[in-house]
N, C-alpha and C. Protein backbone atom coordinates (compact mmCIF):
# COMPACT_ATOMS: atom_id res chain seq x y z
N MET A 1 -6.13 208.89 180.48
CA MET A 1 -6.15 209.80 181.59
C MET A 1 -6.96 211.03 181.18
N THR A 2 -7.85 211.44 182.03
CA THR A 2 -8.67 212.60 181.74
C THR A 2 -8.00 213.88 182.24
N HIS A 3 -8.54 214.99 181.83
CA HIS A 3 -8.07 216.30 182.27
C HIS A 3 -8.20 216.39 183.80
N GLN A 4 -9.31 215.91 184.33
CA GLN A 4 -9.53 215.96 185.77
C GLN A 4 -8.56 215.07 186.51
N ASP A 5 -8.28 213.87 185.97
CA ASP A 5 -7.29 212.97 186.59
C ASP A 5 -5.93 213.66 186.70
N LEU A 6 -5.51 214.29 185.61
CA LEU A 6 -4.21 214.96 185.62
C LEU A 6 -4.23 216.16 186.56
N SER A 7 -5.32 216.91 186.56
CA SER A 7 -5.43 218.06 187.48
C SER A 7 -5.29 217.62 188.92
N ASP A 8 -5.99 216.54 189.28
CA ASP A 8 -5.92 216.02 190.64
C ASP A 8 -4.49 215.58 190.99
N THR A 9 -3.82 214.94 190.04
CA THR A 9 -2.44 214.49 190.26
C THR A 9 -1.52 215.68 190.47
N LEU A 10 -1.67 216.71 189.68
CA LEU A 10 -0.82 217.89 189.80
C LEU A 10 -1.03 218.59 191.13
N ILE A 11 -2.27 218.63 191.60
CA ILE A 11 -2.55 219.22 192.92
C ILE A 11 -1.91 218.37 194.01
N ARG A 12 -2.08 217.06 193.91
CA ARG A 12 -1.51 216.15 194.92
C ARG A 12 0.01 216.28 194.99
N LEU A 13 0.65 216.45 193.84
CA LEU A 13 2.12 216.55 193.79
C LEU A 13 2.63 217.98 194.00
N ARG A 14 1.69 218.90 194.14
CA ARG A 14 2.02 220.33 194.36
C ARG A 14 2.85 220.90 193.20
N LEU A 15 2.49 220.50 191.99
CA LEU A 15 3.12 221.09 190.81
C LEU A 15 2.25 222.25 190.35
N SER A 16 2.82 223.41 190.26
CA SER A 16 2.03 224.61 189.96
C SER A 16 1.94 224.83 188.46
N VAL A 17 1.22 223.94 187.81
CA VAL A 17 0.97 224.04 186.38
C VAL A 17 -0.39 223.41 186.14
N SER A 18 -1.13 223.95 185.18
CA SER A 18 -2.44 223.37 184.90
C SER A 18 -2.28 222.13 184.03
N ALA A 19 -3.30 221.29 184.04
CA ALA A 19 -3.27 220.06 183.24
C ALA A 19 -3.14 220.38 181.75
N SER A 20 -3.87 221.37 181.28
CA SER A 20 -3.80 221.72 179.85
C SER A 20 -2.43 222.27 179.50
N ASP A 21 -1.89 223.12 180.34
CA ASP A 21 -0.56 223.69 180.10
C ASP A 21 0.50 222.59 180.06
N LEU A 22 0.43 221.65 181.01
CA LEU A 22 1.42 220.58 181.07
C LEU A 22 1.31 219.68 179.83
N HIS A 23 0.10 219.33 179.43
CA HIS A 23 -0.06 218.49 178.24
C HIS A 23 0.44 219.23 177.01
N GLY A 24 0.11 220.50 176.89
CA GLY A 24 0.62 221.28 175.77
C GLY A 24 2.13 221.36 175.77
N SER A 25 2.72 221.54 176.94
CA SER A 25 4.18 221.64 177.05
C SER A 25 4.87 220.35 176.63
N LEU A 26 4.38 219.23 177.15
CA LEU A 26 4.98 217.94 176.79
C LEU A 26 4.78 217.65 175.31
N THR A 27 3.59 217.94 174.79
CA THR A 27 3.32 217.72 173.37
C THR A 27 4.24 218.58 172.52
N GLY A 28 4.40 219.85 172.89
CA GLY A 28 5.29 220.74 172.15
C GLY A 28 6.73 220.26 172.16
N LEU A 29 7.19 219.80 173.32
CA LEU A 29 8.55 219.29 173.44
C LEU A 29 8.74 218.08 172.52
N LEU A 30 7.77 217.16 172.53
CA LEU A 30 7.86 215.98 171.68
C LEU A 30 7.75 216.34 170.20
N CYS A 31 6.88 217.28 169.87
CA CYS A 31 6.72 217.69 168.47
C CYS A 31 7.97 218.41 167.95
N GLY A 32 8.68 219.05 168.83
CA GLY A 32 9.90 219.74 168.44
C GLY A 32 11.12 218.85 168.41
N GLY A 33 10.94 217.57 168.72
CA GLY A 33 12.05 216.64 168.70
C GLY A 33 12.85 216.63 169.99
N GLY A 34 12.31 217.25 171.03
CA GLY A 34 13.01 217.28 172.31
C GLY A 34 13.08 215.92 172.96
N LYS A 35 14.09 215.72 173.76
CA LYS A 35 14.27 214.46 174.47
C LYS A 35 13.41 214.50 175.72
N ALA A 36 12.43 213.63 175.76
CA ALA A 36 11.51 213.59 176.88
C ALA A 36 11.23 212.14 177.24
N GLN A 37 12.14 211.56 177.97
CA GLN A 37 11.98 210.18 178.40
C GLN A 37 11.20 210.15 179.71
N ALA A 38 10.74 208.96 180.07
CA ALA A 38 9.91 208.81 181.27
C ALA A 38 10.58 209.37 182.52
N GLY A 39 11.89 209.32 182.60
CA GLY A 39 12.58 209.76 183.80
C GLY A 39 13.10 211.19 183.78
N ASN A 40 12.92 211.90 182.67
CA ASN A 40 13.49 213.26 182.64
C ASN A 40 12.59 214.32 182.01
N TRP A 41 11.38 213.97 181.66
CA TRP A 41 10.57 214.91 180.89
C TRP A 41 10.15 216.13 181.69
N LEU A 42 9.91 216.01 182.98
CA LEU A 42 9.56 217.19 183.78
C LEU A 42 10.76 218.14 183.86
N ALA A 43 11.94 217.59 184.03
CA ALA A 43 13.15 218.44 184.06
C ALA A 43 13.37 219.09 182.70
N ALA A 44 13.11 218.35 181.63
CA ALA A 44 13.27 218.90 180.28
C ALA A 44 12.34 220.08 180.04
N LEU A 45 11.19 220.08 180.71
CA LEU A 45 10.24 221.19 180.57
C LEU A 45 10.58 222.38 181.46
N GLU A 46 11.62 222.22 182.28
CA GLU A 46 12.10 223.30 183.14
C GLU A 46 11.00 223.88 184.01
N LEU A 47 10.18 222.98 184.60
CA LEU A 47 9.12 223.43 185.49
C LEU A 47 9.71 223.99 186.77
N ASP A 48 8.98 224.90 187.37
CA ASP A 48 9.41 225.53 188.61
C ASP A 48 9.03 224.60 189.77
N ALA A 49 9.68 223.45 189.80
CA ALA A 49 9.42 222.46 190.85
C ALA A 49 10.57 221.47 190.84
N ASP A 50 10.67 220.71 191.92
CA ASP A 50 11.66 219.63 191.98
C ASP A 50 11.01 218.41 191.34
N PRO A 51 11.44 218.06 190.13
CA PRO A 51 10.77 216.97 189.42
C PRO A 51 11.14 215.58 189.91
N GLY A 52 12.12 215.45 190.79
CA GLY A 52 12.61 214.15 191.21
C GLY A 52 11.52 213.17 191.61
N GLU A 53 10.75 213.50 192.63
CA GLU A 53 9.68 212.60 193.10
C GLU A 53 8.53 212.54 192.10
N ALA A 54 8.21 213.66 191.50
CA ALA A 54 7.08 213.70 190.57
C ALA A 54 7.29 212.76 189.39
N GLU A 55 8.52 212.68 188.89
CA GLU A 55 8.77 211.84 187.73
C GLU A 55 8.63 210.36 188.05
N LYS A 56 8.66 210.00 189.34
CA LYS A 56 8.46 208.61 189.74
C LYS A 56 6.99 208.29 189.94
N ASP A 57 6.14 209.30 189.96
CA ASP A 57 4.72 209.10 190.21
C ASP A 57 4.09 208.29 189.08
N PRO A 58 3.36 207.21 189.42
CA PRO A 58 2.78 206.35 188.38
C PRO A 58 1.78 207.08 187.47
N MET A 59 1.05 208.04 188.01
CA MET A 59 0.09 208.78 187.17
C MET A 59 0.82 209.64 186.13
N LEU A 60 1.93 210.28 186.54
CA LEU A 60 2.66 211.10 185.57
C LEU A 60 3.42 210.23 184.57
N ARG A 61 3.84 209.06 185.00
CA ARG A 61 4.47 208.13 184.05
C ARG A 61 3.44 207.68 183.01
N GLN A 62 2.23 207.39 183.48
CA GLN A 62 1.15 207.02 182.57
C GLN A 62 0.83 208.18 181.63
N PHE A 63 0.79 209.38 182.17
CA PHE A 63 0.51 210.57 181.36
C PHE A 63 1.55 210.72 180.24
N HIS A 64 2.82 210.58 180.58
CA HIS A 64 3.90 210.69 179.59
C HIS A 64 3.73 209.62 178.51
N ARG A 65 3.50 208.39 178.93
CA ARG A 65 3.33 207.27 178.00
C ARG A 65 2.12 207.50 177.09
N GLN A 66 1.02 207.96 177.67
CA GLN A 66 -0.20 208.20 176.91
C GLN A 66 0.01 209.30 175.86
N CYS A 67 0.70 210.35 176.24
CA CYS A 67 0.96 211.45 175.30
C CYS A 67 1.78 210.95 174.11
N ARG A 68 2.84 210.23 174.41
CA ARG A 68 3.70 209.70 173.34
C ARG A 68 2.92 208.72 172.45
N GLU A 69 2.13 207.84 173.07
CA GLU A 69 1.36 206.87 172.29
C GLU A 69 0.35 207.55 171.38
N GLN A 70 -0.29 208.60 171.87
CA GLN A 70 -1.27 209.31 171.04
C GLN A 70 -0.59 209.96 169.84
N LEU A 71 0.58 210.52 170.04
CA LEU A 71 1.29 211.15 168.92
C LEU A 71 1.75 210.11 167.90
N ASP A 72 2.12 208.93 168.38
CA ASP A 72 2.59 207.86 167.49
C ASP A 72 1.46 207.02 166.91
N ASP A 73 0.24 207.26 167.32
CA ASP A 73 -0.91 206.46 166.91
C ASP A 73 -1.14 206.54 165.40
N SER A 74 -1.10 205.39 164.75
CA SER A 74 -1.32 205.36 163.29
C SER A 74 -2.76 205.72 162.93
N GLU A 75 -3.66 205.68 163.90
CA GLU A 75 -5.07 206.05 163.67
C GLU A 75 -5.30 207.55 163.93
N LEU A 76 -4.23 208.30 164.20
CA LEU A 76 -4.28 209.74 164.43
C LEU A 76 -5.21 210.10 165.59
N GLY A 77 -5.09 209.36 166.68
CA GLY A 77 -5.96 209.53 167.84
C GLY A 77 -5.58 210.64 168.79
N PHE A 78 -4.58 211.43 168.45
CA PHE A 78 -4.16 212.51 169.34
C PHE A 78 -5.26 213.56 169.49
N ALA A 79 -5.39 214.10 170.69
CA ALA A 79 -6.26 215.25 170.94
C ALA A 79 -5.66 216.03 172.10
N PRO A 80 -5.75 217.37 172.06
CA PRO A 80 -5.28 218.15 173.21
C PRO A 80 -6.08 217.76 174.45
N LEU A 81 -5.40 217.68 175.58
CA LEU A 81 -6.07 217.31 176.83
C LEU A 81 -6.75 218.55 177.40
N LEU A 82 -8.07 218.55 177.30
CA LEU A 82 -8.89 219.69 177.73
C LEU A 82 -10.01 219.19 178.63
N PRO A 83 -10.64 220.10 179.37
CA PRO A 83 -11.79 219.68 180.19
C PRO A 83 -12.89 219.09 179.31
N ASP A 84 -13.73 218.25 179.93
CA ASP A 84 -14.79 217.60 179.16
C ASP A 84 -15.88 218.59 178.73
N ASP A 85 -16.76 218.14 177.88
CA ASP A 85 -17.79 219.00 177.28
C ASP A 85 -18.81 219.51 178.29
N GLU A 86 -18.85 218.92 179.47
CA GLU A 86 -19.77 219.40 180.51
C GLU A 86 -19.27 220.69 181.16
N THR A 87 -18.00 221.00 180.95
CA THR A 87 -17.40 222.21 181.49
C THR A 87 -17.83 223.39 180.62
N SER A 88 -17.95 224.56 181.21
CA SER A 88 -18.40 225.73 180.46
C SER A 88 -17.48 226.02 179.28
N ILE A 89 -18.03 226.61 178.25
CA ILE A 89 -17.25 226.94 177.08
C ILE A 89 -16.14 227.94 177.43
N ALA A 90 -16.40 228.82 178.37
CA ALA A 90 -15.38 229.78 178.78
C ALA A 90 -14.17 229.06 179.38
N GLU A 91 -14.41 228.07 180.24
CA GLU A 91 -13.32 227.32 180.85
C GLU A 91 -12.58 226.47 179.82
N ARG A 92 -13.32 225.86 178.89
CA ARG A 92 -12.67 225.05 177.86
C ARG A 92 -11.83 225.92 176.93
N SER A 93 -12.33 227.11 176.62
CA SER A 93 -11.57 228.02 175.76
C SER A 93 -10.30 228.49 176.44
N GLU A 94 -10.40 228.81 177.72
CA GLU A 94 -9.22 229.23 178.47
C GLU A 94 -8.22 228.08 178.56
N ALA A 95 -8.72 226.85 178.75
CA ALA A 95 -7.83 225.69 178.79
C ALA A 95 -7.14 225.50 177.45
N LEU A 96 -7.83 225.75 176.35
CA LEU A 96 -7.21 225.64 175.02
C LEU A 96 -6.11 226.70 174.87
N ALA A 97 -6.37 227.91 175.35
CA ALA A 97 -5.34 228.96 175.30
C ALA A 97 -4.13 228.55 176.14
N GLU A 98 -4.36 228.00 177.33
CA GLU A 98 -3.26 227.50 178.18
C GLU A 98 -2.51 226.39 177.46
N TRP A 99 -3.25 225.50 176.82
CA TRP A 99 -2.63 224.39 176.10
C TRP A 99 -1.69 224.92 175.02
N CYS A 100 -2.16 225.91 174.26
CA CYS A 100 -1.33 226.48 173.19
C CYS A 100 -0.11 227.20 173.75
N ARG A 101 -0.27 227.92 174.87
CA ARG A 101 0.89 228.56 175.51
C ARG A 101 1.91 227.50 175.92
N GLY A 102 1.43 226.43 176.52
CA GLY A 102 2.31 225.33 176.91
C GLY A 102 3.01 224.72 175.70
N PHE A 103 2.26 224.50 174.64
CA PHE A 103 2.83 223.90 173.43
C PHE A 103 3.96 224.78 172.89
N LEU A 104 3.72 226.07 172.80
CA LEU A 104 4.75 226.99 172.28
C LEU A 104 6.00 226.94 173.14
N GLY A 105 5.82 226.91 174.46
CA GLY A 105 6.96 226.83 175.36
C GLY A 105 7.72 225.53 175.21
N GLY A 106 7.00 224.41 175.16
CA GLY A 106 7.64 223.12 174.99
C GLY A 106 8.36 222.99 173.67
N PHE A 107 7.75 223.48 172.61
CA PHE A 107 8.37 223.43 171.29
C PHE A 107 9.65 224.28 171.29
N GLY A 108 9.58 225.43 171.94
CA GLY A 108 10.76 226.29 172.05
C GLY A 108 11.88 225.63 172.84
N LEU A 109 11.52 224.91 173.91
CA LEU A 109 12.54 224.21 174.70
C LEU A 109 13.22 223.10 173.91
N ALA A 110 12.51 222.56 172.94
CA ALA A 110 13.11 221.51 172.10
C ALA A 110 14.17 222.09 171.17
N GLY A 111 14.15 223.41 170.98
CA GLY A 111 15.16 224.06 170.15
C GLY A 111 14.82 224.15 168.68
N THR A 112 13.69 223.61 168.28
CA THR A 112 13.31 223.61 166.87
C THR A 112 12.77 224.96 166.43
N GLY A 113 12.16 225.70 167.34
CA GLY A 113 11.50 226.95 166.99
C GLY A 113 12.39 227.98 166.33
N GLU A 114 13.66 227.96 166.63
CA GLU A 114 14.59 228.92 166.04
C GLU A 114 15.28 228.37 164.80
N SER A 115 14.98 227.15 164.46
CA SER A 115 15.65 226.49 163.35
C SER A 115 15.27 227.10 162.02
N PRO A 116 16.27 227.40 161.17
CA PRO A 116 15.94 227.90 159.84
C PRO A 116 15.24 226.83 159.00
N ALA A 117 15.33 225.57 159.42
CA ALA A 117 14.68 224.48 158.69
C ALA A 117 13.18 224.43 158.94
N LEU A 118 12.67 225.24 159.86
CA LEU A 118 11.25 225.24 160.15
C LEU A 118 10.50 225.73 158.91
N GLN A 119 9.69 224.87 158.35
CA GLN A 119 8.97 225.15 157.12
C GLN A 119 7.97 226.27 157.32
N ALA A 120 7.57 226.89 156.21
CA ALA A 120 6.61 227.99 156.26
C ALA A 120 5.30 227.54 156.92
N ASP A 121 4.85 226.32 156.62
CA ASP A 121 3.63 225.82 157.24
C ASP A 121 3.78 225.75 158.75
N ALA A 122 4.91 225.27 159.22
CA ALA A 122 5.15 225.16 160.65
C ALA A 122 5.21 226.54 161.30
N ARG A 123 5.84 227.49 160.65
CA ARG A 123 5.89 228.86 161.19
C ARG A 123 4.48 229.45 161.27
N GLU A 124 3.65 229.16 160.27
CA GLU A 124 2.28 229.65 160.28
C GLU A 124 1.48 229.01 161.41
N ILE A 125 1.68 227.72 161.64
CA ILE A 125 1.01 227.04 162.74
C ILE A 125 1.41 227.69 164.06
N MET A 126 2.69 227.94 164.23
CA MET A 126 3.15 228.57 165.47
C MET A 126 2.51 229.95 165.66
N ALA A 127 2.39 230.70 164.59
CA ALA A 127 1.74 232.02 164.68
C ALA A 127 0.27 231.85 165.06
N ASP A 128 -0.39 230.86 164.49
CA ASP A 128 -1.79 230.60 164.83
C ASP A 128 -1.93 230.17 166.29
N PHE A 129 -1.05 229.29 166.76
CA PHE A 129 -1.09 228.87 168.16
C PHE A 129 -0.85 230.07 169.08
N SER A 130 0.03 230.95 168.68
CA SER A 130 0.30 232.15 169.46
C SER A 130 -0.95 233.04 169.54
N ALA A 131 -1.65 233.15 168.43
CA ALA A 131 -2.89 233.94 168.41
C ALA A 131 -3.94 233.31 169.33
N ILE A 132 -4.05 231.99 169.29
CA ILE A 132 -5.01 231.30 170.17
C ILE A 132 -4.60 231.50 171.63
N ALA A 133 -3.31 231.38 171.91
CA ALA A 133 -2.81 231.52 173.27
C ALA A 133 -3.10 232.91 173.85
N GLY A 134 -3.12 233.91 173.00
CA GLY A 134 -3.34 235.28 173.47
C GLY A 134 -4.75 235.78 173.24
N ALA A 135 -5.63 234.93 172.76
CA ALA A 135 -6.98 235.36 172.42
C ALA A 135 -7.81 235.66 173.66
N ASP A 136 -8.67 236.64 173.52
CA ASP A 136 -9.64 236.97 174.55
C ASP A 136 -11.00 236.57 173.97
N PHE A 137 -11.46 235.39 174.35
CA PHE A 137 -12.67 234.84 173.78
C PHE A 137 -13.91 235.51 174.38
N SER A 138 -14.91 235.72 173.54
CA SER A 138 -16.21 236.18 174.02
C SER A 138 -17.27 235.26 173.42
N TYR A 139 -18.38 235.14 174.12
CA TYR A 139 -19.38 234.15 173.73
C TYR A 139 -20.77 234.73 173.74
N ALA A 140 -21.55 234.29 172.76
CA ALA A 140 -22.95 234.65 172.72
C ALA A 140 -23.79 233.59 173.43
N GLY A 141 -23.15 232.47 173.75
CA GLY A 141 -23.84 231.41 174.47
C GLY A 141 -24.74 230.57 173.59
N ASN A 142 -24.34 230.39 172.35
CA ASN A 142 -25.19 229.60 171.45
C ASN A 142 -24.40 228.45 170.82
N GLU A 143 -25.09 227.72 169.97
CA GLU A 143 -24.50 226.56 169.30
C GLU A 143 -23.32 226.95 168.41
N GLU A 144 -23.35 228.13 167.85
CA GLU A 144 -22.25 228.58 166.98
C GLU A 144 -20.94 228.67 167.75
N ASP A 145 -21.00 229.07 169.00
CA ASP A 145 -19.79 229.13 169.83
C ASP A 145 -19.20 227.74 170.01
N GLU A 146 -20.04 226.76 170.27
CA GLU A 146 -19.58 225.38 170.43
C GLU A 146 -18.94 224.87 169.14
N GLU A 147 -19.56 225.16 168.02
CA GLU A 147 -19.03 224.73 166.73
C GLU A 147 -17.68 225.40 166.45
N ALA A 148 -17.59 226.68 166.75
CA ALA A 148 -16.34 227.42 166.51
C ALA A 148 -15.22 226.84 167.38
N LEU A 149 -15.50 226.57 168.65
CA LEU A 149 -14.48 226.00 169.52
C LEU A 149 -14.08 224.61 169.03
N SER A 150 -15.04 223.81 168.60
CA SER A 150 -14.72 222.49 168.06
C SER A 150 -13.83 222.58 166.84
N GLU A 151 -14.08 223.54 165.97
CA GLU A 151 -13.25 223.72 164.78
C GLU A 151 -11.83 224.14 165.15
N ILE A 152 -11.70 225.00 166.13
CA ILE A 152 -10.36 225.43 166.57
C ILE A 152 -9.61 224.25 167.18
N ILE A 153 -10.29 223.46 167.99
CA ILE A 153 -9.65 222.30 168.60
C ILE A 153 -9.20 221.32 167.52
N GLU A 154 -10.02 221.12 166.51
CA GLU A 154 -9.65 220.21 165.41
C GLU A 154 -8.46 220.77 164.64
N PHE A 155 -8.42 222.07 164.42
CA PHE A 155 -7.27 222.70 163.77
C PHE A 155 -6.00 222.44 164.59
N VAL A 156 -6.08 222.63 165.90
CA VAL A 156 -4.93 222.40 166.77
C VAL A 156 -4.50 220.94 166.69
N ARG A 157 -5.45 220.04 166.76
CA ARG A 157 -5.17 218.61 166.72
C ARG A 157 -4.41 218.22 165.45
N VAL A 158 -4.92 218.63 164.31
CA VAL A 158 -4.31 218.28 163.03
C VAL A 158 -2.95 218.97 162.88
N SER A 159 -2.84 220.18 163.34
CA SER A 159 -1.57 220.91 163.26
C SER A 159 -0.49 220.23 164.08
N VAL A 160 -0.86 219.75 165.25
CA VAL A 160 0.10 219.03 166.10
C VAL A 160 0.61 217.78 165.38
N LEU A 161 -0.30 217.05 164.78
CA LEU A 161 0.11 215.83 164.06
C LEU A 161 1.05 216.17 162.91
N LEU A 162 0.80 217.26 162.22
CA LEU A 162 1.69 217.69 161.14
C LEU A 162 3.06 218.04 161.68
N LEU A 163 3.10 218.82 162.75
CA LEU A 163 4.39 219.20 163.33
C LEU A 163 5.14 217.98 163.87
N TYR A 164 4.43 217.06 164.47
CA TYR A 164 5.08 215.86 164.99
C TYR A 164 5.67 215.05 163.85
N ALA A 165 4.94 214.93 162.76
CA ALA A 165 5.44 214.18 161.61
C ALA A 165 6.69 214.84 161.02
N GLU A 166 6.72 216.18 161.01
CA GLU A 166 7.87 216.91 160.45
C GLU A 166 9.08 216.94 161.36
N HIS A 167 8.85 217.10 162.66
CA HIS A 167 9.98 217.40 163.55
C HIS A 167 10.14 216.45 164.72
N GLY A 168 9.08 215.82 165.16
CA GLY A 168 9.16 215.09 166.41
C GLY A 168 9.22 213.60 166.31
N SER A 169 8.59 213.01 165.30
CA SER A 169 8.54 211.56 165.27
C SER A 169 9.93 211.01 164.97
N PRO A 170 10.23 209.89 165.60
CA PRO A 170 11.56 209.30 165.37
C PRO A 170 11.74 209.00 163.89
N ALA A 171 12.86 209.42 163.37
CA ALA A 171 13.15 209.19 161.95
C ALA A 171 13.43 207.72 161.72
N THR A 172 13.02 207.26 160.58
CA THR A 172 13.32 205.88 160.21
C THR A 172 14.80 205.80 159.92
N PRO A 173 15.52 204.90 160.60
CA PRO A 173 16.96 204.83 160.38
C PRO A 173 17.28 204.38 158.96
N ALA A 174 18.34 204.95 158.44
CA ALA A 174 18.79 204.55 157.10
C ALA A 174 19.32 203.13 157.17
N PRO A 175 19.11 202.35 156.12
CA PRO A 175 19.60 200.98 156.15
C PRO A 175 21.11 200.95 156.28
N ALA A 176 21.59 199.98 157.05
CA ALA A 176 23.03 199.84 157.23
C ALA A 176 23.64 199.34 155.92
N THR A 177 24.76 199.89 155.60
CA THR A 177 25.43 199.47 154.37
C THR A 177 26.75 198.83 154.74
N THR A 178 27.10 197.85 153.99
CA THR A 178 28.40 197.21 154.14
C THR A 178 29.18 197.49 152.89
N GLY A 179 30.33 196.98 152.82
CA GLY A 179 31.17 197.20 151.62
C GLY A 179 30.59 196.54 150.39
N ALA A 180 29.69 195.57 150.57
CA ALA A 180 29.13 194.86 149.43
C ALA A 180 28.08 195.70 148.72
N SER A 181 27.97 195.51 147.47
CA SER A 181 26.99 196.22 146.66
C SER A 181 25.61 195.68 146.94
N ARG A 182 24.59 196.56 146.97
CA ARG A 182 23.21 196.15 147.18
C ARG A 182 22.48 196.07 145.84
N ARG A 183 23.18 196.12 144.76
CA ARG A 183 22.59 196.12 143.43
C ARG A 183 22.12 194.71 143.09
N VAL A 184 20.93 194.62 142.50
CA VAL A 184 20.40 193.33 142.06
C VAL A 184 20.83 193.12 140.64
N HIS A 185 21.33 191.91 140.32
CA HIS A 185 21.81 191.63 138.96
C HIS A 185 20.77 190.92 138.17
């Protein structure tokens, strides 16, 4: 699903949230270990809308599934959902800031953000995302701007994967033990 596909769906469903913000919010919720199943993820994000009909929408179900699959992808295929490269750098930068704001909100809703178990690296990532979310970007209109934005997007991408691995991915269950010894003789 592209950024434009999701934007069109959100307009059709009259959900007052941008595509980048929504993707960031869902990603943050999942990275924080929040419960976001196909039938309740909009409610879990506490959007200012009635999620009942929206959660049944096939495009939003696909969006939820795609987000989860990208985070679980063993090939590390996750990327923040942003406008395509044909969009102006100003719009893409603003979408990245919206994405980071959404991520911080979603991660906070998961309840992990206040956890004393949040590692120093994770706290630093959150501070960096906060800086990106509040940044006022300016551009000279050259190739260096494109490279800088690409580097920031890659930083966000890798940081999300780190946070998901630490807090959001389903833990491998411990092997079941019975009364019998598992020792090899």
